[in-house]
Amino acid sequence: MSAPEAGSADDAAESAFPPLDVVTDSTAVVLTDRWLVPLTAWISGVLRAAARTDRAVHVVTQPHARLTFPLRTALGPAPNRWVVHDPRGGYYDGLSGVPLAWQNGTFMPTGDTPADAFTAGAAPTEQRQLTLAFRTVHTPDQRLVLGRALEAAWRHLTGAPPIGWGTAEPVNLPWSPQQLTDLARDRAPAPTQLVVVGASDRTAIATQRVSRTTAGVAEDIRLTLGYEHPQHVPLDALESLAATLVTEHGLTTMLATLRAARRDLTVPAHWEPPPVPVSFTLGPRDVRTIGLAIASRPPIETPPRPVGSPAAPGLHYPLGGGTQPSAWTALQRLGAHLRTPTPTPI
């Protein structure tokens, strides 16, 4: 199948987007030759316009390109894609490796087996990425200051706070929870998407989404840190971090995973081992809803440890050292157990 031709957008679709290479009824296509592709303000604008018009965003690169962590996160939800031009012909998905072809105005999978170019570039590495995906929920209040949970996690794991934040890359604002809060308040009730970075000697980057929910003001945070060797990863600090976030920052859930991947946190267009769960934390609100007796007796090998206030504890569930793929099975069993309805007393 032929590739999309630049300039093939129709006028009505094109008017909804920033200046763009290709827009069809279903897809906005971004063509780039950059070796490192960040989540720029321009691409953020394309993503917002695509969401408003119910379109996918497909970013097309050469095989040597890498994505920054924020752009990889933004392209993760379907139907968005990272499309890589295979030097031997055709295209493949840069995150899954499935072969793609341009059909009916979008890139479509043509098989399930990863392209050779995707698997050929893989190589073992000692470098590691630790990712914390967590949510905090706060009561709406004029005194509320956002970003403090992320700062607490950053300090706990690196010994220093973040140094900068912004709505796109490159980040150009000094770290300021108050300014972050002011922006989110100005944009409410619409959600606010943010990028947060740390000092160059402490490889870490985060994305944060602030939104209004029925429970209050939610912060959905994805913090990833890079390490040169597995022994440098501070897995023993996760339980105490969970306790801090439960006690002081309204934590509802936190999943920690570890993977063998680049320390610089960029994403190459070839296979990398999937992340492996190392722990899960459930906040006091959900423990109370599920019932402490049920939540504290899951069908997994290691029992959970209470964190936070003894009167209203959260539960921290260790799942392993990040080397056993079976930890995903344990996490699935845990999730199924926590979703089981509490029996009604007779």
Protein backbone atom coordinates (compact mmCIF):
# COMPACT_ATOMS: atom_id res chain seq x y z
CA MET A 1 0.00 0.00 0.00
CA SER A 2 1.23 3.50 -0.69
CA ALA A 3 2.18 5.89 2.08
CA PRO A 4 0.15 9.02 2.86
CA GLU A 5 1.01 12.02 0.75
CA ALA A 6 1.81 15.30 2.48
CA GLY A 7 -0.77 17.95 1.78
CA SER A 8 -3.67 15.53 1.31
CA ALA A 9 -5.79 17.08 4.06
CA ASP A 10 -9.21 18.40 3.13
CA ASP A 11 -9.91 22.02 4.03
CA ALA A 12 -12.59 21.36 6.66
CA ALA A 13 -10.44 18.89 8.61
CA GLU A 14 -7.30 20.95 8.27
CA SER A 15 -8.93 24.01 9.83
CA ALA A 16 -9.35 22.19 13.16
CA PHE A 17 -5.61 21.48 13.48
CA PRO A 18 -2.28 23.31 13.70
CA PRO A 19 -0.41 23.25 10.36
CA LEU A 20 -0.16 19.54 9.65
CA ASP A 21 1.17 17.06 7.08
CA VAL A 22 -1.90 14.87 6.51
CA VAL A 23 -5.45 14.86 7.92
CA THR A 24 -8.07 12.29 6.93
CA ASP A 25 -11.53 11.53 8.27
CA SER A 26 -10.00 9.27 10.93
CA THR A 27 -6.35 10.25 11.40
CA ALA A 28 -3.98 13.18 11.80
CA VAL A 29 -0.51 12.23 10.55
CA VAL A 30 2.70 13.92 11.73
CA LEU A 31 5.82 13.25 9.60
CA THR A 32 9.18 13.98 11.24
CA ASP A 33 12.87 13.27 10.54
CA ARG A 34 14.05 14.20 14.06
CA TRP A 35 16.23 11.68 15.87
CA LEU A 36 14.57 12.56 19.20
CA VAL A 37 10.88 13.45 19.04
CA PRO A 38 9.51 15.31 22.09
CA LEU A 39 5.99 16.25 23.13
CA THR A 40 6.25 19.77 21.74
CA ALA A 41 3.55 22.40 22.10
CA TRP A 42 2.75 21.84 18.43
CA ILE A 43 2.23 18.06 18.87
CA SER A 44 0.21 18.73 22.03
CA GLY A 45 -2.01 20.96 19.91
CA VAL A 46 -2.42 18.19 17.34
CA LEU A 47 -3.39 15.72 20.09
CA ARG A 48 -5.99 18.11 21.51
CA ALA A 49 -7.46 18.83 18.07
CA ALA A 50 -7.58 15.11 17.27
CA ALA A 51 -9.41 14.38 20.52
CA ARG A 52 -11.96 17.11 19.75
CA THR A 53 -12.61 15.74 16.26
CA ASP A 54 -12.51 12.03 17.19
CA ARG A 55 -9.33 11.31 15.22
CA ALA A 56 -6.20 9.29 15.90
CA VAL A 57 -2.71 10.83 15.85
CA HIS A 58 -0.02 8.84 14.02
CA VAL A 59 3.55 10.12 14.36
CA VAL A 60 5.72 8.75 11.54
CA THR A 61 9.52 8.56 12.02
CA GLN A 62 12.60 6.83 10.67
CA PRO A 63 13.85 3.72 12.55
CA HIS A 64 16.75 5.57 14.22
CA ALA A 65 14.34 7.96 15.98
CA ARG A 66 13.49 7.79 19.66
CA LEU A 67 10.55 9.28 21.54
CA THR A 68 10.73 11.13 24.81
CA PHE A 69 8.86 9.59 27.72
CA PRO A 70 6.04 12.23 27.66
CA LEU A 71 5.36 11.67 23.95
CA ARG A 72 5.45 7.90 24.37
CA THR A 73 2.88 8.28 27.18
CA ALA A 74 0.70 10.54 25.03
CA LEU A 75 0.74 8.07 22.12
CA GLY A 76 0.08 5.06 24.32
CA PRO A 77 -3.76 5.09 24.30
CA ALA A 78 -5.37 3.65 21.17
CA PRO A 79 -6.01 4.68 18.45
CA ASN A 80 -2.86 6.85 18.54
CA ARG A 81 0.31 5.28 17.12
CA TRP A 82 4.02 5.65 16.66
CA VAL A 83 4.59 4.58 13.03
CA VAL A 84 8.14 3.65 11.98
CA HIS A 85 9.25 3.53 8.35
CA ASP A 86 10.98 0.17 7.88
CA PRO A 87 14.17 0.65 5.80
CA ARG A 88 13.44 -2.69 4.11
CA GLY A 89 10.00 -1.50 3.07
CA GLY A 90 6.70 -0.89 4.75
CA TYR A 91 5.92 0.36 8.23
CA TYR A 92 5.61 -1.01 11.76
CA ASP A 93 4.33 0.15 15.14
CA GLY A 94 7.25 1.53 17.17
CA LEU A 95 5.78 0.34 20.48
CA SER A 96 4.42 -3.11 19.61
CA GLY A 97 6.31 -3.97 16.41
CA VAL A 98 3.21 -5.09 14.47
CA PRO A 99 3.49 -4.41 10.72
CA LEU A 100 1.35 -1.58 9.38
CA ALA A 101 0.07 -0.39 6.03
CA TRP A 102 -1.70 2.78 4.90
CA GLN A 103 -5.30 1.74 4.23
CA ASN A 104 -8.44 3.85 3.98
CA GLY A 105 -6.82 6.97 5.36
CA THR A 106 -5.02 5.46 8.37
CA PHE A 107 -2.23 3.05 9.34
CA MET A 108 -3.71 -0.40 9.97
CA PRO A 109 -2.08 -3.59 11.32
CA THR A 110 -1.46 -6.23 8.66
CA GLY A 111 -0.39 -9.04 11.00
CA ASP A 112 0.40 -10.06 14.57
CA THR A 113 4.07 -11.03 14.27
CA PRO A 114 6.47 -8.16 15.06
CA ALA A 115 8.49 -6.85 12.13
CA ASP A 116 12.08 -8.10 11.85
CA ALA A 117 13.38 -4.53 12.15
CA PHE A 118 11.60 -4.21 15.52
CA THR A 119 13.14 -7.34 17.06
CA ALA A 120 16.58 -7.06 15.41
CA GLY A 121 17.52 -3.92 17.36
CA ALA A 122 16.90 -5.46 20.80
CA ALA A 123 19.90 -6.08 23.04
CA PRO A 124 20.22 -7.00 26.74
CA THR A 125 20.96 -4.12 29.09
CA GLU A 126 21.82 -3.65 32.75
CA GLN A 127 20.05 -0.29 32.78
CA ARG A 128 16.69 -0.04 34.50
CA GLN A 129 13.58 2.15 34.58
CA LEU A 130 11.44 2.38 37.72
CA THR A 131 7.94 3.74 37.08
CA LEU A 132 5.39 4.83 39.66
CA ALA A 133 1.84 5.32 38.39
CA PHE A 134 -0.24 6.82 41.17
CA ARG A 135 -3.37 8.85 41.83
CA THR A 136 -4.14 11.30 44.59
CA VAL A 137 -7.55 12.84 45.23
CA HIS A 138 -8.18 16.08 47.15
CA THR A 139 -11.20 17.95 48.41
CA PRO A 140 -11.70 21.10 46.27
CA ASP A 141 -10.50 24.00 48.39
CA GLN A 142 -9.04 27.45 47.75
CA ARG A 143 -6.07 26.45 49.94
CA LEU A 144 -5.30 23.34 47.87
CA VAL A 145 -1.83 23.29 46.31
CA LEU A 146 -1.22 20.65 43.65
CA GLY A 147 2.08 18.99 42.78
CA ARG A 148 3.08 18.28 46.37
CA ALA A 149 2.55 14.53 46.07
CA LEU A 150 4.82 14.41 43.02
CA GLU A 151 7.42 16.54 44.78
CA ALA A 152 7.29 14.24 47.83
CA ALA A 153 7.88 11.18 45.63
CA TRP A 154 10.70 12.94 43.76
CA ARG A 155 12.45 13.93 47.00
CA HIS A 156 11.96 10.48 48.49
CA LEU A 157 13.58 8.69 45.55
CA THR A 158 16.22 11.21 44.41
CA GLY A 159 16.94 13.38 47.45
CA ALA A 160 15.92 16.56 45.61
CA PRO A 161 12.75 18.19 44.22
CA PRO A 162 11.93 18.54 40.51
CA ILE A 163 13.55 21.52 38.81
CA GLY A 164 11.04 22.38 36.09
CA TRP A 165 7.54 21.98 34.72
CA GLY A 166 5.44 22.97 31.72
CA THR A 167 2.64 21.89 29.42
CA ALA A 168 5.01 20.63 26.70
CA GLU A 169 8.67 19.95 25.93
CA PRO A 170 11.13 21.50 26.32
CA VAL A 171 10.14 22.40 29.86
CA ASN A 172 10.94 26.06 30.54
CA LEU A 173 9.39 26.98 33.92
CA PRO A 174 11.12 26.59 37.31
CA TRP A 175 9.36 24.11 39.59
CA SER A 176 6.50 25.81 41.43
CA PRO A 177 3.53 23.89 42.88
CA GLN A 178 1.67 27.17 43.36
CA GLN A 179 2.01 28.24 39.72
CA LEU A 180 1.05 24.73 38.63
CA THR A 181 -2.06 24.99 40.80
CA ASP A 182 -2.94 28.41 39.41
CA LEU A 183 -2.80 27.07 35.84
CA ALA A 184 -4.95 24.04 36.65
CA ARG A 185 -7.49 26.28 38.44
CA ASP A 186 -7.64 28.65 35.47
CA ARG A 187 -8.30 25.73 33.09
CA ALA A 188 -10.89 23.97 35.27
CA PRO A 189 -13.17 22.18 34.71
CA ALA A 190 -11.09 21.13 31.69
CA PRO A 191 -8.19 18.83 32.62
CA THR A 192 -4.58 20.03 32.61
CA GLN A 193 -1.69 17.92 31.23
CA LEU A 194 1.80 18.67 32.53
CA VAL A 195 5.42 17.57 32.07
CA VAL A 196 7.83 17.69 35.02
CA VAL A 197 11.63 17.20 34.90
CA GLY A 198 14.50 16.84 37.35
CA ALA A 199 18.18 17.71 37.48
CA SER A 200 20.43 16.18 34.83
CA ASP A 201 22.37 14.12 37.40
CA ARG A 202 19.16 12.45 38.62
CA THR A 203 17.42 11.03 35.57
CA ALA A 204 13.69 11.39 36.16
CA ILE A 205 10.69 12.71 34.31
CA ALA A 206 6.96 12.72 34.97
CA THR A 207 3.64 13.44 33.37
CA GLN A 208 0.78 14.72 35.48
CA ARG A 209 -2.91 15.11 34.66
CA VAL A 210 -5.11 17.26 36.89
CA SER A 211 -8.85 16.73 36.55
CA ARG A 212 -12.13 17.21 38.38
CA THR A 213 -13.91 13.98 39.35
CA THR A 214 -16.93 13.14 41.46
CA ALA A 215 -14.53 12.38 44.32
CA GLY A 216 -12.70 15.73 44.10
CA VAL A 217 -9.55 17.05 42.39
CA ALA A 218 -7.51 14.15 41.03
CA GLU A 219 -3.83 14.10 40.16
CA ASP A 220 -2.82 11.20 37.91
CA ILE A 221 0.95 10.98 37.94
CA ARG A 222 3.41 8.79 36.06
CA LEU A 223 6.95 9.22 37.38
CA THR A 224 9.81 7.31 35.73
CA LEU A 225 13.41 7.21 36.97
CA GLY A 226 16.47 5.78 35.20
CA TYR A 227 19.33 3.78 36.75
CA GLU A 228 22.63 2.47 35.41
CA HIS A 229 22.45 -0.89 37.23
CA PRO A 230 19.71 -2.96 38.92
CA GLN A 231 21.34 -2.61 42.34
CA HIS A 232 20.89 1.16 42.17
CA VAL A 233 17.08 0.94 42.07
CA PRO A 234 15.68 1.95 45.52
CA LEU A 235 12.99 -0.73 45.80
CA ASP A 236 13.33 -0.74 49.58
CA ALA A 237 12.13 2.90 49.64
CA LEU A 238 8.72 2.18 48.07
CA GLU A 239 6.90 1.15 51.26
CA SER A 240 7.96 4.26 53.17
CA LEU A 241 7.03 6.40 50.15
CA ALA A 242 3.61 4.74 50.09
CA ALA A 243 3.18 5.60 53.78
CA THR A 244 4.05 9.25 53.12
CA LEU A 245 1.66 9.55 50.18
CA VAL A 246 -1.16 7.86 52.12
CA THR A 247 -0.65 9.95 55.26
CA GLU A 248 0.01 13.37 53.72
CA HIS A 249 -1.18 13.45 50.10
CA GLY A 250 -4.47 11.60 49.64
CA LEU A 251 -3.10 8.56 47.77
CA THR A 252 -5.77 6.28 46.31
CA THR A 253 -3.63 3.82 44.30
CA MET A 254 0.01 3.36 43.28
CA LEU A 255 1.54 0.73 41.01
CA ALA A 256 5.34 0.43 40.87
CA THR A 257 6.96 -1.43 37.95
CA LEU A 258 10.55 -2.13 36.89
CA ARG A 259 11.90 -2.82 33.42
CA ALA A 260 15.20 -3.32 31.63
CA ALA A 261 15.34 -0.22 29.46
CA ARG A 262 17.39 2.87 28.68
CA ARG A 263 18.54 4.93 31.64
CA ASP A 264 18.00 8.16 29.68
CA LEU A 265 14.26 7.30 29.53
CA THR A 266 13.98 7.72 25.76
CA VAL A 267 12.08 5.09 23.76
CA PRO A 268 13.76 3.35 20.80
CA ALA A 269 11.88 1.85 17.86
CA HIS A 270 12.74 -1.72 18.81
CA TRP A 271 11.64 -4.31 21.35
CA GLU A 272 12.30 -3.73 25.04
CA PRO A 273 11.28 -6.12 27.84
CA PRO A 274 7.88 -5.26 29.32
CA PRO A 275 7.71 -3.78 32.82
CA VAL A 276 7.27 -6.11 35.80
CA PRO A 277 5.19 -5.12 38.86
CA VAL A 278 7.07 -4.74 42.14
CA SER A 279 4.32 -3.38 44.41
CA PHE A 280 0.79 -2.03 44.58
CA THR A 281 -0.63 0.34 47.19
CA LEU A 282 -4.30 0.85 47.99
CA GLY A 283 -5.34 4.02 49.81
CA PRO A 284 -7.50 4.19 52.94
CA ARG A 285 -10.69 5.18 51.12
CA ASP A 286 -10.73 2.05 48.97
CA VAL A 287 -9.57 -0.17 51.84
CA ARG A 288 -12.55 1.09 53.82
CA THR A 289 -14.92 0.52 50.88
CA ILE A 290 -13.68 -3.03 50.24
CA GLY A 291 -13.35 -3.87 53.92
CA LEU A 292 -10.07 -4.28 55.79
CA ALA A 293 -10.71 -7.99 56.46
CA ILE A 294 -10.99 -8.74 52.72
CA ALA A 295 -8.35 -6.29 51.45
CA SER A 296 -5.74 -7.57 53.92
CA ARG A 297 -6.13 -11.24 52.90
CA PRO A 298 -5.43 -11.40 49.15
CA PRO A 299 -4.53 -14.65 47.33
CA ILE A 300 -0.87 -13.69 46.81
CA GLU A 301 2.34 -14.99 48.35
CA THR A 302 3.32 -11.99 50.49
CA PRO A 303 0.67 -10.42 52.74
CA PRO A 304 0.16 -6.65 52.53
CA ARG A 305 1.57 -4.26 55.07
CA PRO A 306 -0.54 -1.47 56.56
CA VAL A 307 0.69 2.06 55.86
CA GLY A 308 -0.50 5.36 57.26
CA SER A 309 -2.80 5.82 60.22
CA PRO A 310 -3.69 2.66 62.20
CA ALA A 311 -7.24 4.01 62.47
CA ALA A 312 -7.60 4.32 58.66
CA PRO A 313 -4.75 2.41 57.03
CA GLY A 314 -3.80 1.99 53.44
CA LEU A 315 -2.32 -1.35 52.34
CA HIS A 316 0.99 -1.88 50.54
CA TYR A 317 1.23 -5.15 48.58
CA PRO A 318 4.79 -6.33 47.69
CA LEU A 319 4.81 -8.26 44.40
CA GLY A 320 8.49 -9.15 43.94
CA GLY A 321 11.83 -7.74 42.92
CA GLY A 322 10.91 -6.81 39.36
CA THR A 323 12.48 -9.87 37.74
CA GLN A 324 9.62 -12.38 37.79
CA PRO A 325 7.03 -12.00 34.97
CA SER A 326 4.69 -14.05 37.20
CA ALA A 327 4.20 -10.86 39.20
CA TRP A 328 1.64 -9.84 36.56
CA THR A 329 -0.38 -12.94 37.43
CA ALA A 330 -0.17 -12.03 41.12
CA LEU A 331 -1.32 -8.50 40.33
CA GLN A 332 -4.27 -9.84 38.32
CA ARG A 333 -5.26 -12.13 41.20
CA LEU A 334 -5.00 -9.21 43.59
CA GLY A 335 -7.13 -7.00 41.36
CA ALA A 336 -9.81 -9.67 40.99
CA HIS A 337 -9.85 -10.18 44.77
CA LEU A 338 -10.21 -6.47 45.49
CA ARG A 339 -13.06 -6.17 42.98
CA THR A 340 -15.02 -9.07 44.54
CA PRO A 341 -18.20 -7.72 46.17
CA THR A 342 -18.32 -7.90 49.94
CA PRO A 343 -20.79 -10.66 51.02
CA THR A 344 -23.96 -9.32 52.61
CA PRO A 345 -24.31 -10.51 56.24
CA ILE A 346 -27.25 -12.85 56.81
